[in-house]
């Protein structure tokens, strides 16, 4: 596959590819953005839009006491298209940044198609261009043909893990006499207002029957994969149940801080649903990724109080996610060590999560722009969220490498005391974020 060398080829218009294309175009660099959808769909996507969200509609916490909130803020300060569209498509979700997924992907697509320096090319890419700058941002659902080309290029065996999608429920089909709106501990909710999460309370007997049926339910079989390595952040609910009866109750079904707003009654366990669109007509089952068959999902999930007659707009599913051995293959600026004109970004590099994927696209776009201008790219400092993620991708021992979300464990620790006073956990984390933003600004100024 040939291309002209005055433009950059980006393979994949997901979160990473879309962000990279935006960063390059804003720096006056032509982009050829390849996307196989809608001509060839994946097991998880439903549209041909750029940056379509498939697993959930949340970018997670949006405050500086959380590492992903720090990542949000760093991206905003670097003119991120993904964050700008996410903020515009925002819907209520407590302290989290959740979006109307259809509006979000439409906004991203419109912004990119309005940019004259970006040329859209529909159809599957099966071979990597043999000249010019190339960014491979094909995502965890990379097509078999392209993955074979990547495998031939890198010389590494394929790695894979499995990812599960949570069901989406028709809000009008839920029994509101049983369920109630409330945020955990009433965070970010004004007095007298309803929360952003719909809660389905369970007593002990209901919970134990439900967990038993999760374990007993028929699951989707995957021939040829005896040991399925699930990423912990997307663990199917029935997989949690198999790890112990109380595991879901200490995970997505945790009842703490969710007492009934009228009676004050404490549930034994709670299933939470979050708005999946701006109108609130669709609700996403929080943390309920699943590999149960469709029939079993309807049967088992109808045991949840309030969901006895629920109608499902989308049932859960399971699909293969792939990623490369980045520490062995990539340098600290996402370049392939053996061919630095080729970069990788997004989940295929071994970051997990929407925002993490987009942030690596942002970095790749900036790095390529530097290279196109004859400059050596320089990564952000290790005490920033972006620098920490790049360090995970390139600096982790190959044998220990697994997909990871941004977390404070990847960043240097914050100060523990202010004079004689010991700082709280939130204060320590905020100090890490404050330092990171100062460090990022210094890097940007250079």
Protein backbone atom coordinates (compact mmCIF):
# COMPACT_ATOMS: atom_id res chain seq x y z
CA UNK A 1 0.00 0.00 0.00
CA UNK A 2 1.51 3.30 -1.16
CA UNK A 3 0.79 6.80 0.03
CA UNK A 4 2.17 10.29 -0.45
CA UNK A 5 4.64 11.39 2.19
CA UNK A 6 3.17 14.88 2.70
CA UNK A 7 0.25 13.46 4.68
CA UNK A 8 -0.19 11.12 7.62
CA UNK A 9 -2.12 7.87 7.34
CA UNK A 10 -4.27 7.04 10.36
CA UNK A 11 -5.84 3.59 10.46
CA UNK A 12 -8.99 3.66 12.58
CA UNK A 13 -11.42 6.49 13.37
CA UNK A 14 -12.17 5.43 16.92
CA UNK A 15 -11.37 7.60 19.93
CA UNK A 16 -7.59 7.49 19.45
CA UNK A 17 -7.59 7.91 15.67
CA UNK A 18 -10.14 10.71 15.80
CA UNK A 19 -8.18 12.63 18.44
CA UNK A 20 -4.89 12.17 16.58
CA UNK A 21 -6.43 13.39 13.30
CA UNK A 22 -7.74 16.49 15.05
CA UNK A 23 -4.40 17.31 16.67
CA UNK A 24 -2.57 16.95 13.34
CA UNK A 25 -5.05 18.97 11.31
CA UNK A 26 -4.95 21.78 13.86
CA UNK A 27 -1.19 21.91 13.28
CA UNK A 28 -1.63 22.24 9.52
CA UNK A 29 -0.83 18.64 8.64
CA UNK A 30 -2.85 16.66 6.09
CA UNK A 31 -4.43 13.42 7.30
CA UNK A 32 -5.79 10.38 5.48
CA UNK A 33 -8.21 8.86 8.01
CA UNK A 34 -9.14 5.25 7.21
CA UNK A 35 -12.18 3.58 8.80
CA UNK A 36 -13.61 0.23 7.74
CA UNK A 37 -17.04 0.96 9.21
CA UNK A 38 -19.79 1.01 7.98
CA UNK A 39 -18.62 -1.12 5.04
CA UNK A 40 -17.29 -3.71 7.46
CA UNK A 41 -18.70 -3.73 10.97
CA UNK A 42 -17.27 -5.16 14.19
CA UNK A 43 -19.05 -7.41 16.72
CA UNK A 44 -19.60 -4.38 19.01
CA UNK A 45 -20.20 -1.31 16.82
CA UNK A 46 -23.58 -0.29 15.45
CA UNK A 47 -22.80 2.77 13.27
CA UNK A 48 -20.16 4.16 10.97
CA UNK A 49 -19.59 7.25 13.12
CA UNK A 50 -16.19 8.25 14.40
CA UNK A 51 -15.45 7.61 18.08
CA UNK A 52 -18.52 5.42 18.62
CA UNK A 53 -18.80 4.29 22.24
CA UNK A 54 -19.55 0.59 22.55
CA UNK A 55 -19.18 -0.63 26.15
CA UNK A 56 -20.71 2.16 28.21
CA UNK A 57 -21.43 5.86 27.89
CA UNK A 58 -19.25 7.17 30.71
CA UNK A 59 -15.79 8.70 30.78
CA UNK A 60 -15.82 8.00 34.54
CA UNK A 61 -14.98 10.48 37.32
CA UNK A 62 -14.54 14.12 36.35
CA UNK A 63 -12.77 15.63 39.33
CA UNK A 64 -9.13 16.05 40.32
CA UNK A 65 -9.29 13.67 43.27
CA UNK A 66 -9.54 10.86 40.70
CA UNK A 67 -6.77 9.95 38.24
CA UNK A 68 -9.09 9.83 35.23
CA UNK A 69 -10.40 13.26 36.19
CA UNK A 70 -6.82 14.49 36.05
CA UNK A 71 -6.48 12.93 32.61
CA UNK A 72 -9.66 14.77 31.54
CA UNK A 73 -8.22 18.10 32.64
CA UNK A 74 -4.86 17.51 30.97
CA UNK A 75 -6.62 16.69 27.72
CA UNK A 76 -8.80 19.80 27.94
CA UNK A 77 -5.64 21.91 28.33
CA UNK A 78 -4.27 20.34 25.13
CA UNK A 79 -7.34 21.18 23.02
CA UNK A 80 -8.78 17.66 22.99
CA UNK A 81 -11.62 17.12 20.51
CA UNK A 82 -12.86 14.11 22.48
CA UNK A 83 -13.17 16.09 25.70
CA UNK A 84 -14.77 19.09 23.97
CA UNK A 85 -17.43 16.85 22.41
CA UNK A 86 -17.82 14.91 25.66
CA UNK A 87 -18.47 18.11 27.59
CA UNK A 88 -20.99 19.22 24.96
CA UNK A 89 -22.84 15.88 25.00
CA UNK A 90 -22.76 15.56 28.79
CA UNK A 91 -25.75 14.09 30.63
CA UNK A 92 -26.35 13.84 34.41
CA UNK A 93 -24.26 11.15 36.13
CA UNK A 94 -23.25 12.51 39.51
CA UNK A 95 -19.54 13.30 39.63
CA UNK A 96 -18.89 11.22 36.50
CA UNK A 97 -18.73 12.49 32.92
CA UNK A 98 -21.36 10.49 31.05
CA UNK A 99 -22.49 11.39 27.55
CA UNK A 100 -25.36 10.87 25.17
CA UNK A 101 -23.45 8.37 23.07
CA UNK A 102 -25.22 9.13 19.77
CA UNK A 103 -24.80 12.88 20.14
CA UNK A 104 -21.18 12.46 21.18
CA UNK A 105 -20.11 10.41 18.16
CA UNK A 106 -22.10 12.67 15.84
CA UNK A 107 -20.31 15.74 17.21
CA UNK A 108 -16.88 14.13 16.73
CA UNK A 109 -17.75 13.02 13.21
CA UNK A 110 -19.07 16.45 12.23
CA UNK A 111 -15.99 18.22 13.60
CA UNK A 112 -13.59 15.96 11.71
CA UNK A 113 -15.52 16.10 8.44
CA UNK A 114 -15.61 19.89 8.63
CA UNK A 115 -11.80 19.97 8.77
CA UNK A 116 -10.44 20.43 5.20
CA UNK A 117 -7.09 18.83 5.98
CA UNK A 118 -8.71 15.49 6.88
CA UNK A 119 -9.60 13.13 4.04
CA UNK A 120 -11.94 10.25 4.98
CA UNK A 121 -11.33 6.91 3.31
CA UNK A 122 -13.92 4.18 3.89
CA UNK A 123 -13.05 0.50 3.77
CA UNK A 124 -10.83 -2.01 5.51
CA UNK A 125 -7.07 -1.55 5.55
CA UNK A 126 -5.40 -4.93 5.24
CA UNK A 127 -1.79 -3.86 4.70
CA UNK A 128 0.29 -1.22 6.45
CA UNK A 129 1.59 1.53 4.09
CA UNK A 130 5.21 0.97 3.17
CA UNK A 131 6.21 4.63 3.27
CA UNK A 132 5.25 7.85 5.05
CA UNK A 133 4.08 8.45 8.60
CA UNK A 134 1.51 5.92 9.80
CA UNK A 135 -0.55 5.75 12.98
CA UNK A 136 -2.22 2.43 13.73
CA UNK A 137 -5.22 3.18 15.95
CA UNK A 138 -7.42 0.30 14.86
CA UNK A 139 -8.52 -0.48 18.38
CA UNK A 140 -9.14 -3.71 20.27
CA UNK A 141 -11.45 -4.96 17.51
CA UNK A 142 -8.80 -4.84 14.80
CA UNK A 143 -9.83 -6.90 11.79
CA UNK A 144 -8.16 -10.27 11.28
CA UNK A 145 -6.42 -9.19 8.05
CA UNK A 146 -4.91 -6.05 9.56
CA UNK A 147 -3.91 -7.87 12.71
CA UNK A 148 -2.05 -10.41 10.61
CA UNK A 149 -0.19 -7.53 8.97
CA UNK A 150 0.64 -6.09 12.40
CA UNK A 151 1.78 -9.49 13.56
CA UNK A 152 4.05 -9.82 10.52
CA UNK A 153 5.41 -6.30 11.12
CA UNK A 154 6.13 -6.78 14.82
CA UNK A 155 7.12 -10.42 14.79
CA UNK A 156 5.19 -10.93 18.02
CA UNK A 157 2.50 -13.49 18.78
CA UNK A 158 -1.02 -12.22 19.18
CA UNK A 159 -2.24 -11.33 22.66
CA UNK A 160 -5.90 -11.08 23.51
CA UNK A 161 -8.36 -10.64 26.32
CA UNK A 162 -12.14 -10.57 26.35
CA UNK A 163 -14.37 -7.59 26.96
CA UNK A 164 -18.05 -7.65 27.90
CA UNK A 165 -20.82 -5.10 27.21
CA UNK A 166 -23.60 -4.25 29.69
CA UNK A 167 -27.31 -4.29 28.71
CA UNK A 168 -29.37 -1.15 28.05
CA UNK A 169 -32.97 -1.02 29.32
CA UNK A 170 -36.06 0.91 28.16
CA UNK A 171 -36.72 3.33 31.04
CA UNK A 172 -40.51 3.20 30.60
CA UNK A 173 -40.54 -0.54 31.25
CA UNK A 174 -39.11 -0.20 34.79
CA UNK A 175 -41.33 -0.37 37.88
CA UNK A 176 -40.73 3.01 39.52
CA UNK A 177 -42.74 2.01 42.58
CA UNK A 178 -39.83 -0.26 43.49
CA UNK A 179 -36.82 1.69 42.21
CA UNK A 180 -35.62 5.13 43.29
CA UNK A 181 -33.23 7.80 42.03
CA UNK A 182 -30.23 8.52 44.23
CA UNK A 183 -26.47 9.09 43.98
CA UNK A 184 -24.18 7.27 46.39
CA UNK A 185 -23.90 9.39 49.56
CA UNK A 186 -25.99 11.99 47.65
CA UNK A 187 -22.84 13.36 46.04
CA UNK A 188 -23.32 16.28 43.62
CA UNK A 189 -27.07 16.41 44.29
CA UNK A 190 -28.78 19.55 45.58
CA UNK A 191 -31.13 19.19 48.54
CA UNK A 192 -34.54 17.96 47.44
CA UNK A 193 -33.38 16.83 43.98
CA UNK A 194 -33.35 13.28 42.63
CA UNK A 195 -30.04 11.60 41.92
CA UNK A 196 -28.57 10.55 38.59
CA UNK A 197 -28.63 6.79 39.26
CA UNK A 198 -31.74 4.60 39.37
CA UNK A 199 -31.41 2.05 42.17
CA UNK A 200 -33.04 -1.37 42.31
CA UNK A 201 -32.82 -2.57 45.95
CA UNK A 202 -32.56 -6.25 46.93
CA UNK A 203 -33.04 -7.95 50.28
CA UNK A 204 -30.77 -10.80 51.32
CA UNK A 205 -33.00 -13.58 50.01
CA UNK A 206 -33.48 -11.88 46.66
CA UNK A 207 -29.76 -11.27 46.31
CA UNK A 208 -28.74 -14.84 47.09
CA UNK A 209 -31.26 -16.28 44.61
CA UNK A 210 -30.06 -13.83 41.99
CA UNK A 211 -26.38 -14.67 42.49
CA UNK A 212 -27.14 -18.38 42.31
CA UNK A 213 -28.92 -17.91 38.98
CA UNK A 214 -25.99 -15.88 37.66
CA UNK A 215 -23.77 -18.86 38.38
CA UNK A 216 -26.23 -21.39 36.93
CA UNK A 217 -27.07 -19.42 33.77
CA UNK A 218 -26.04 -20.65 30.35
CA UNK A 219 -23.01 -18.75 29.05
CA UNK A 220 -21.76 -18.06 25.55
CA UNK A 221 -19.20 -20.70 24.62
CA UNK A 222 -15.91 -19.75 22.97
CA UNK A 223 -14.23 -22.70 21.31
CA UNK A 224 -10.48 -22.69 21.27
CA UNK A 225 -10.11 -20.45 24.31
CA UNK A 226 -10.00 -22.49 27.50
CA UNK A 227 -8.61 -19.77 29.75
CA UNK A 228 -10.32 -16.47 29.02
CA UNK A 229 -8.28 -13.60 30.54
CA UNK A 230 -10.92 -10.99 31.36
CA UNK A 231 -9.74 -7.46 32.04
CA UNK A 232 -10.75 -6.71 35.64
CA UNK A 233 -12.45 -3.42 34.76
CA UNK A 234 -14.87 -5.25 32.43
CA UNK A 235 -15.43 -8.41 34.49
CA UNK A 236 -18.77 -10.06 33.58
CA UNK A 237 -21.22 -10.00 36.49
CA UNK A 238 -21.59 -13.77 36.46
CA UNK A 239 -17.80 -14.15 36.56
CA UNK A 240 -17.85 -12.08 39.77
CA UNK A 241 -20.58 -14.31 41.19
CA UNK A 242 -18.49 -17.40 40.49
CA UNK A 243 -15.65 -15.89 42.52
CA UNK A 244 -17.80 -15.80 45.64
CA UNK A 245 -21.36 -15.08 46.72
CA UNK A 246 -20.50 -11.67 48.16
CA UNK A 247 -18.21 -10.51 45.33
CA UNK A 248 -20.92 -8.60 43.36
CA UNK A 249 -22.15 -7.04 46.64
CA UNK A 250 -18.70 -5.55 47.19
CA UNK A 251 -18.49 -4.49 43.55
CA UNK A 252 -21.20 -3.03 41.27
CA UNK A 253 -24.02 -4.12 43.63
CA UNK A 254 -22.56 -2.36 46.68
CA UNK A 255 -25.44 -0.87 48.75
CA UNK A 256 -23.36 1.55 50.83
CA UNK A 257 -24.60 5.15 50.74
CA UNK A 258 -27.79 4.23 48.88
CA UNK A 259 -30.41 4.15 51.63
CA UNK A 260 -33.96 4.73 50.37
CA UNK A 261 -34.49 8.52 50.22
CA UNK A 262 -37.99 8.31 51.75
CA UNK A 263 -37.88 5.39 54.19
CA UNK A 264 -34.16 5.37 55.02
CA UNK A 265 -34.19 1.58 54.55
CA UNK A 266 -30.82 -0.03 53.80
CA UNK A 267 -30.81 -2.63 51.05
CA UNK A 268 -28.70 -5.79 51.19
CA UNK A 269 -27.56 -5.15 47.61
CA UNK A 270 -28.40 -2.61 44.89
CA UNK A 271 -28.39 -2.74 41.09
CA UNK A 272 -27.74 0.71 39.63
CA UNK A 273 -28.77 2.03 36.23
CA UNK A 274 -27.43 5.20 34.61
CA UNK A 275 -28.85 7.32 31.79
CA UNK A 276 -27.55 6.19 28.41
CA UNK A 277 -28.93 9.14 26.45
CA UNK A 278 -29.85 12.76 27.14
CA UNK A 279 -33.60 12.11 27.26
CA UNK A 280 -33.17 9.42 29.88
CA UNK A 281 -35.29 7.02 27.85
CA UNK A 282 -32.49 4.45 27.88
CA UNK A 283 -30.71 3.24 31.01
CA UNK A 284 -27.41 1.36 31.19
CA UNK A 285 -26.98 -1.38 33.84
CA UNK A 286 -23.86 -0.19 35.67
CA UNK A 287 -21.19 -2.86 35.99
CA UNK A 288 -23.40 -5.55 34.44
CA UNK A 289 -21.21 -6.67 31.58
CA UNK A 290 -22.15 -10.23 30.77
CA UNK A 291 -21.39 -13.31 28.69
CA UNK A 292 -24.76 -14.97 29.39
CA UNK A 293 -26.83 -16.00 26.38
CA UNK A 294 -29.55 -13.55 25.37
CA UNK A 295 -32.34 -15.76 26.66
CA UNK A 296 -30.65 -16.19 30.02
CA UNK A 297 -30.02 -12.47 30.34
CA UNK A 298 -33.73 -11.76 30.01
CA UNK A 299 -34.60 -14.51 32.50
CA UNK A 300 -31.99 -13.69 35.15
CA UNK A 301 -32.12 -9.90 34.95
CA UNK A 302 -35.92 -9.98 35.27
CA UNK A 303 -35.29 -11.26 38.83
CA UNK A 304 -34.01 -7.80 39.76
CA UNK A 305 -36.69 -5.87 41.69
CA UNK A 306 -38.22 -3.29 39.38
CA UNK A 307 -36.97 -5.00 36.21
CA UNK A 308 -39.50 -7.85 36.19
CA UNK A 309 -41.06 -6.48 32.98
CA UNK A 310 -38.02 -4.65 31.65
CA UNK A 311 -37.59 -4.34 27.89
CA UNK A 312 -33.99 -4.42 26.70
CA UNK A 313 -32.92 -2.03 23.97
CA UNK A 314 -29.58 -3.87 23.81
CA UNK A 315 -28.51 -7.05 25.54
CA UNK A 316 -25.01 -7.67 26.81
CA UNK A 317 -22.37 -9.31 24.66
CA UNK A 318 -18.79 -10.49 24.72
CA UNK A 319 -16.09 -9.78 22.16
CA UNK A 320 -12.38 -10.26 21.72
CA UNK A 321 -10.05 -7.36 22.45
CA UNK A 322 -6.48 -7.46 21.20
CA UNK A 323 -3.36 -5.57 22.18
CA UNK A 324 0.33 -5.69 21.34
CA UNK A 325 3.35 -6.24 23.59
CA UNK A 326 4.02 -2.53 23.75
CA UNK A 327 6.99 -2.53 26.18
CA UNK A 328 8.92 -4.73 23.76
CA UNK A 329 7.77 -2.97 20.60
CA UNK A 330 7.27 0.75 21.29
CA UNK A 331 9.48 3.54 22.57
CA UNK A 332 8.36 6.22 25.03
CA UNK A 333 6.68 8.24 22.27
CA UNK A 334 4.56 5.40 20.84
CA UNK A 335 6.91 4.75 17.90
CA UNK A 336 7.64 1.26 16.69
CA UNK A 337 11.28 0.73 17.65
CA UNK A 338 12.16 -1.10 14.43
CA UNK A 339 10.33 1.44 12.21
CA UNK A 340 9.88 4.81 13.96
CA UNK A 341 7.72 6.17 11.10
CA UNK A 342 4.97 3.83 12.40
CA UNK A 343 3.21 4.67 15.66
CA UNK A 344 0.47 2.94 17.63
CA UNK A 345 -2.24 4.56 19.78
CA UNK A 346 -5.38 3.60 21.67
CA UNK A 347 -6.41 0.35 23.30
CA UNK A 348 -4.24 -1.73 20.99
CA UNK A 349 -1.23 -0.33 22.89
CA UNK A 350 -2.43 -1.65 26.25
CA UNK A 351 -4.32 1.23 27.81
CA UNK A 352 -7.87 0.51 28.91
CA UNK A 353 -10.78 2.92 28.78
CA UNK A 354 -12.26 5.51 26.46
CA UNK A 355 -10.35 8.48 27.82
CA UNK A 356 -7.04 6.63 28.05
CA UNK A 357 -7.39 5.56 24.41
CA UNK A 358 -8.17 9.10 23.28
CA UNK A 359 -5.29 10.51 25.33
CA UNK A 360 -2.81 8.25 23.56
CA UNK A 361 -4.24 9.41 20.24
CA UNK A 362 -3.69 12.98 21.39
CA UNK A 363 -0.07 12.17 22.25
CA UNK A 364 0.50 10.36 18.96
CA UNK A 365 -0.86 13.32 17.01
CA UNK A 366 1.48 15.71 18.79
CA UNK A 367 4.48 13.37 18.41
CA UNK A 368 3.86 12.91 14.67
CA UNK A 369 3.46 16.66 14.21
CA UNK A 370 6.88 17.17 15.83
CA UNK A 371 8.42 14.56 13.54
CA UNK A 372 6.81 16.10 10.45
CA UNK A 373 8.45 19.39 11.43
CA UNK A 374 11.85 17.73 11.81
CA UNK A 375 11.82 17.73 15.60
CA UNK A 376 12.39 14.87 18.02
CA UNK A 377 9.19 14.23 20.00
CA UNK A 378 9.43 14.61 23.76
CA UNK A 379 6.99 12.84 26.10
CA UNK A 380 5.32 14.71 28.97
CA UNK A 381 6.94 14.30 32.40
CA UNK A 382 6.29 11.12 34.34
CA UNK A 383 4.40 13.04 37.04
CA UNK A 384 1.59 13.89 34.58
CA UNK A 385 -1.25 11.50 33.77
CA UNK A 386 -0.18 11.35 30.12
CA UNK A 387 3.43 10.72 31.05
CA UNK A 388 2.36 8.00 33.47
CA UNK A 389 0.34 6.19 30.80
CA UNK A 390 3.20 6.41 28.33
CA UNK A 391 5.46 5.00 31.02
CA UNK A 392 3.10 2.07 31.52
CA UNK A 393 3.06 1.35 27.79
CA UNK A 394 6.81 1.49 27.27
CA UNK A 395 8.30 0.85 30.70
CA UNK A 396 6.43 -2.12 32.16
CA UNK A 397 8.16 -5.51 32.15
CA UNK A 398 6.89 -7.42 29.12
CA UNK A 399 5.97 -10.48 31.19
CA UNK A 400 3.85 -8.30 33.53
CA UNK A 401 2.17 -6.21 30.84
CA UNK A 402 -1.64 -6.08 30.90
CA UNK A 403 -4.19 -3.45 29.81
CA UNK A 404 -4.60 -0.76 32.47
CA UNK A 405 -6.68 2.31 33.24
CA UNK A 406 -5.00 5.46 34.48
CA UNK A 407 -4.65 5.35 38.27
CA UNK A 408 -2.72 7.17 40.95
CA UNK A 409 -0.52 4.11 41.40
CA UNK A 410 1.17 5.02 38.10
CA UNK A 411 2.03 8.52 39.37
CA UNK A 412 4.54 9.64 42.00
CA UNK A 413 2.97 9.86 45.44
CA UNK A 414 1.66 13.16 46.75
CA UNK A 415 2.62 14.94 49.94
CA UNK A 416 1.25 13.30 53.09
CA UNK A 417 1.31 16.26 55.49
CA UNK A 418 0.65 19.96 55.53
CA UNK A 419 2.75 21.08 58.45
CA UNK A 420 1.72 18.84 61.34
CA UNK A 421 -1.65 17.95 59.85
CA UNK A 422 -1.92 14.63 58.04
CA UNK A 423 -3.66 15.08 54.71
CA UNK A 424 -6.74 13.03 53.84
CA UNK A 425 -6.68 10.61 50.94
CA UNK A 426 -8.61 13.10 48.77
CA UNK A 427 -6.18 15.88 49.67
CA UNK A 428 -3.16 13.70 48.85
CA UNK A 429 -4.65 12.85 45.49
CA UNK A 430 -5.47 16.46 44.79
CA UNK A 431 -1.87 17.37 45.52
CA UNK A 432 -0.75 14.82 42.90
CA UNK A 433 -3.15 16.36 40.38
CA UNK A 434 -2.07 19.91 41.18
CA UNK A 435 1.58 18.97 40.68
CA UNK A 436 0.75 17.15 37.44
CA UNK A 437 -1.02 20.17 35.95
CA UNK A 438 1.88 22.47 36.81
CA UNK A 439 4.30 19.98 35.28
CA UNK A 440 2.15 19.66 32.15
CA UNK A 441 2.02 23.44 31.71
CA UNK A 442 5.81 23.68 31.97
CA UNK A 443 6.11 20.97 29.28
CA UNK A 444 3.59 22.74 27.05
CA UNK A 445 5.41 26.05 27.41
CA UNK A 446 8.62 24.43 26.14
